[in-house]
Amino acid sequence: MKNDSNAPRETITVEQVRKDLQKIVGLPVARAWKGHGTAIFLELGELRKDYHGWKNASGENYSMQGDWTLGELWGWKIIHDKSVVFDATEFNKFGVSTKPVKEVIEHLVGKTIISVVLNEDATLLTIVFNTNLILQVSKGSSTFFSLSYNYKPMLFFDEDGISYHGVFPE
């Protein structure tokens, strides 16, 4: 999900971000995929084909996309029973294989989000799943996270602040 500078931007408050994040509570993770390095993306809700003008490594001209995508998650860890069971920052180093990242995020597929909390100073995003797994994302130096309603309006929380691109659903 790329920040489209031509799309209309609207600056919003942290309170509005919290309200918008509640829209993904109750949705299952239909697909989890790894981007560059340890960045992960969660496709939420029902999957559908999103057609594009290029072919991927499998020769397909589409990717499977959920109703919502929670993405660009970099500084993340998975917690279970108050213990960190996976910390992605250990794999975000030059020369270290990120294969374990792909393996661990597969465990999120099929899980349902039961809670999403953005802390008071907006530096920690906590996502709780129905199996008591917790995905905790810390704000880094650039993009913290993005939430995309995949019918093209998007919410961005990045180095430029918090903003809408397009029209976000009520």
Protein backbone atom coordinates (compact mmCIF):
# COMPACT_ATOMS: atom_id res chain seq x y z
CA MET A 1 0.00 0.00 0.00
CA LYS A 2 1.70 3.04 -1.23
CA ASN A 3 1.03 6.57 -0.06
CA ASP A 4 -0.65 8.15 -3.11
CA SER A 5 0.24 11.86 -2.96
CA ASN A 6 -2.50 12.69 -5.49
CA ALA A 7 -5.28 11.30 -3.29
CA PRO A 8 -7.13 13.75 -1.06
CA ARG A 9 -5.69 13.82 2.47
CA GLU A 10 -7.51 14.79 5.60
CA THR A 11 -5.71 15.14 8.92
CA ILE A 12 -7.53 13.33 11.71
CA THR A 13 -7.15 12.88 15.46
CA VAL A 14 -5.85 9.88 17.40
CA GLU A 15 -9.39 9.49 18.76
CA GLN A 16 -10.68 9.08 15.18
CA VAL A 17 -7.97 6.48 14.52
CA ARG A 18 -9.14 4.54 17.57
CA LYS A 19 -12.73 4.71 16.33
CA ASP A 20 -11.73 3.54 12.84
CA LEU A 21 -9.65 0.67 14.23
CA GLN A 22 -12.79 -0.70 15.90
CA LYS A 23 -14.17 -1.41 12.41
CA ILE A 24 -11.87 -4.43 12.14
CA VAL A 25 -12.91 -5.98 15.48
CA GLY A 26 -14.74 -9.22 14.77
CA LEU A 27 -13.02 -9.82 11.44
CA PRO A 28 -10.97 -12.92 10.72
CA VAL A 29 -7.46 -12.87 9.28
CA ALA A 30 -8.06 -14.35 5.83
CA ARG A 31 -4.47 -14.01 4.66
CA ALA A 32 -1.19 -12.90 6.22
CA TRP A 33 1.77 -12.00 4.04
CA LYS A 34 5.26 -10.65 4.41
CA GLY A 35 6.42 -7.57 2.58
CA HIS A 36 9.98 -6.23 2.57
CA GLY A 37 12.09 -7.33 5.54
CA THR A 38 9.82 -8.05 8.49
CA ALA A 39 6.90 -5.87 7.36
CA ILE A 40 3.66 -7.84 7.52
CA PHE A 41 0.19 -7.31 6.11
CA LEU A 42 -3.05 -8.84 7.36
CA GLU A 43 -5.93 -9.27 4.90
CA LEU A 44 -9.11 -9.15 6.99
CA GLY A 45 -12.65 -10.28 6.18
CA GLU A 46 -13.57 -11.97 2.91
CA LEU A 47 -10.86 -12.47 0.29
CA ARG A 48 -11.35 -11.34 -3.31
CA LYS A 49 -9.15 -10.96 -6.35
CA ASP A 50 -7.60 -7.51 -6.74
CA TYR A 51 -6.51 -7.22 -10.37
CA HIS A 52 -3.48 -5.15 -11.35
CA GLY A 53 -1.52 -4.48 -14.53
CA TRP A 54 1.45 -6.75 -13.80
CA LYS A 55 2.00 -10.45 -13.26
CA ASN A 56 3.43 -11.88 -10.06
CA ALA A 57 5.96 -14.72 -9.79
CA SER A 58 3.13 -17.24 -10.30
CA GLY A 59 2.06 -15.53 -13.52
CA GLU A 60 -1.16 -14.17 -12.03
CA ASN A 61 -2.28 -10.61 -12.65
CA TYR A 62 -4.09 -10.31 -9.33
CA SER A 63 -3.48 -10.68 -5.62
CA MET A 64 -5.89 -11.92 -2.98
CA GLN A 65 -7.10 -9.01 -0.88
CA GLY A 66 -9.41 -8.86 2.12
CA ASP A 67 -12.16 -6.35 2.77
CA TRP A 68 -9.61 -4.55 4.94
CA THR A 69 -5.81 -4.62 5.03
CA LEU A 70 -3.89 -3.79 8.18
CA GLY A 71 -0.36 -3.35 7.03
CA GLU A 72 3.07 -1.90 7.01
CA LEU A 73 3.57 -3.43 10.44
CA TRP A 74 7.33 -3.36 11.16
CA GLY A 75 8.27 -3.38 14.85
CA TRP A 76 6.02 -6.21 15.94
CA LYS A 77 5.95 -9.15 18.30
CA ILE A 78 3.56 -11.95 19.11
CA ILE A 79 2.68 -12.53 22.74
CA HIS A 80 0.93 -15.53 24.30
CA ASP A 81 0.28 -16.03 28.01
CA LYS A 82 2.21 -12.82 28.80
CA SER A 83 5.35 -14.17 27.11
CA VAL A 84 6.88 -12.95 23.86
CA VAL A 85 6.86 -15.96 21.55
CA PHE A 86 8.17 -14.11 18.47
CA ASP A 87 9.93 -10.74 18.10
CA ALA A 88 10.30 -9.58 14.50
CA THR A 89 13.01 -7.05 15.37
CA GLU A 90 15.43 -9.97 15.81
CA PHE A 91 14.99 -10.70 12.09
CA ASN A 92 15.16 -7.11 10.85
CA LYS A 93 18.94 -7.16 10.42
CA PHE A 94 21.14 -7.38 7.36
CA GLY A 95 21.97 -10.96 6.43
CA VAL A 96 19.39 -12.59 8.72
CA SER A 97 16.84 -14.85 7.04
CA THR A 98 13.25 -13.66 7.33
CA LYS A 99 11.84 -17.12 6.57
CA PRO A 100 10.70 -17.53 10.22
CA VAL A 101 8.56 -14.39 9.77
CA LYS A 102 6.60 -16.07 6.96
CA GLU A 103 6.17 -19.18 9.07
CA VAL A 104 4.95 -17.44 12.22
CA ILE A 105 2.43 -15.13 10.54
CA GLU A 106 0.67 -18.17 9.07
CA HIS A 107 -0.47 -18.87 12.64
CA LEU A 108 -2.59 -15.69 12.47
CA VAL A 109 -4.66 -16.93 9.52
CA GLY A 110 -8.13 -17.98 10.63
CA LYS A 111 -7.90 -16.08 13.92
CA THR A 112 -10.51 -13.41 14.67
CA ILE A 113 -9.68 -9.97 16.05
CA ILE A 114 -11.47 -9.41 19.35
CA SER A 115 -9.77 -6.18 20.46
CA VAL A 116 -7.68 -3.36 18.98
CA VAL A 117 -6.10 -0.73 21.23
CA LEU A 118 -3.90 2.23 20.34
CA ASN A 119 -2.17 3.43 23.52
CA GLU A 120 -2.42 6.98 24.91
CA ASP A 121 0.72 8.39 23.24
CA ALA A 122 -0.06 6.54 19.97
CA THR A 123 3.18 4.53 19.96
CA LEU A 124 1.83 1.01 20.56
CA LEU A 125 -0.91 -0.86 18.72
CA THR A 126 -2.20 -4.00 20.44
CA ILE A 127 -4.36 -6.50 18.55
CA VAL A 128 -5.88 -9.38 20.50
CA PHE A 129 -7.15 -12.50 18.71
CA ASN A 130 -9.80 -15.01 19.80
CA THR A 131 -7.05 -17.53 20.70
CA ASN A 132 -5.44 -15.14 23.20
CA LEU A 133 -2.58 -14.44 20.81
CA ILE A 134 -1.58 -10.78 20.89
CA LEU A 135 0.07 -8.93 18.04
CA GLN A 136 1.84 -5.86 19.43
CA VAL A 137 3.21 -3.24 17.02
CA SER A 138 5.57 -0.46 18.14
CA LYS A 139 5.92 2.81 16.31
CA GLY A 140 9.24 3.07 14.51
CA SER A 141 10.86 5.94 12.66
CA SER A 142 8.58 5.99 9.60
CA THR A 143 5.24 4.30 8.90
CA PHE A 144 3.63 2.89 12.04
CA PHE A 145 0.72 1.16 10.35
CA SER A 146 -1.84 1.64 7.63
CA LEU A 147 -5.44 0.50 7.56
CA SER A 148 -7.03 0.22 4.17
CA TYR A 149 -10.70 -0.33 3.46
CA ASN A 150 -10.08 -2.08 0.17
CA TYR A 151 -12.73 -0.31 -1.74
CA LYS A 152 -10.03 2.36 -2.14
CA PRO A 153 -10.23 4.98 0.62
CA MET A 154 -7.37 4.57 3.10
CA LEU A 155 -6.21 5.71 6.53
CA PHE A 156 -2.47 6.36 6.94
CA PHE A 157 -0.51 6.83 10.15
CA ASP A 158 2.96 7.74 8.91
CA GLU A 159 5.75 10.30 9.15
CA ASP A 160 3.38 12.97 7.79
CA GLY A 161 0.89 12.38 10.62
CA ILE A 162 -2.51 10.73 10.58
CA SER A 163 -4.64 11.20 7.50
CA TYR A 164 -7.42 9.83 5.32
CA HIS A 165 -6.97 9.22 1.62
CA GLY A 166 -10.31 9.30 -0.12
CA VAL A 167 -13.56 8.71 1.75
CA PHE A 168 -13.53 6.38 4.77
CA PRO A 169 -16.70 4.40 5.60
CA GLU A 170 -18.84 5.44 8.57
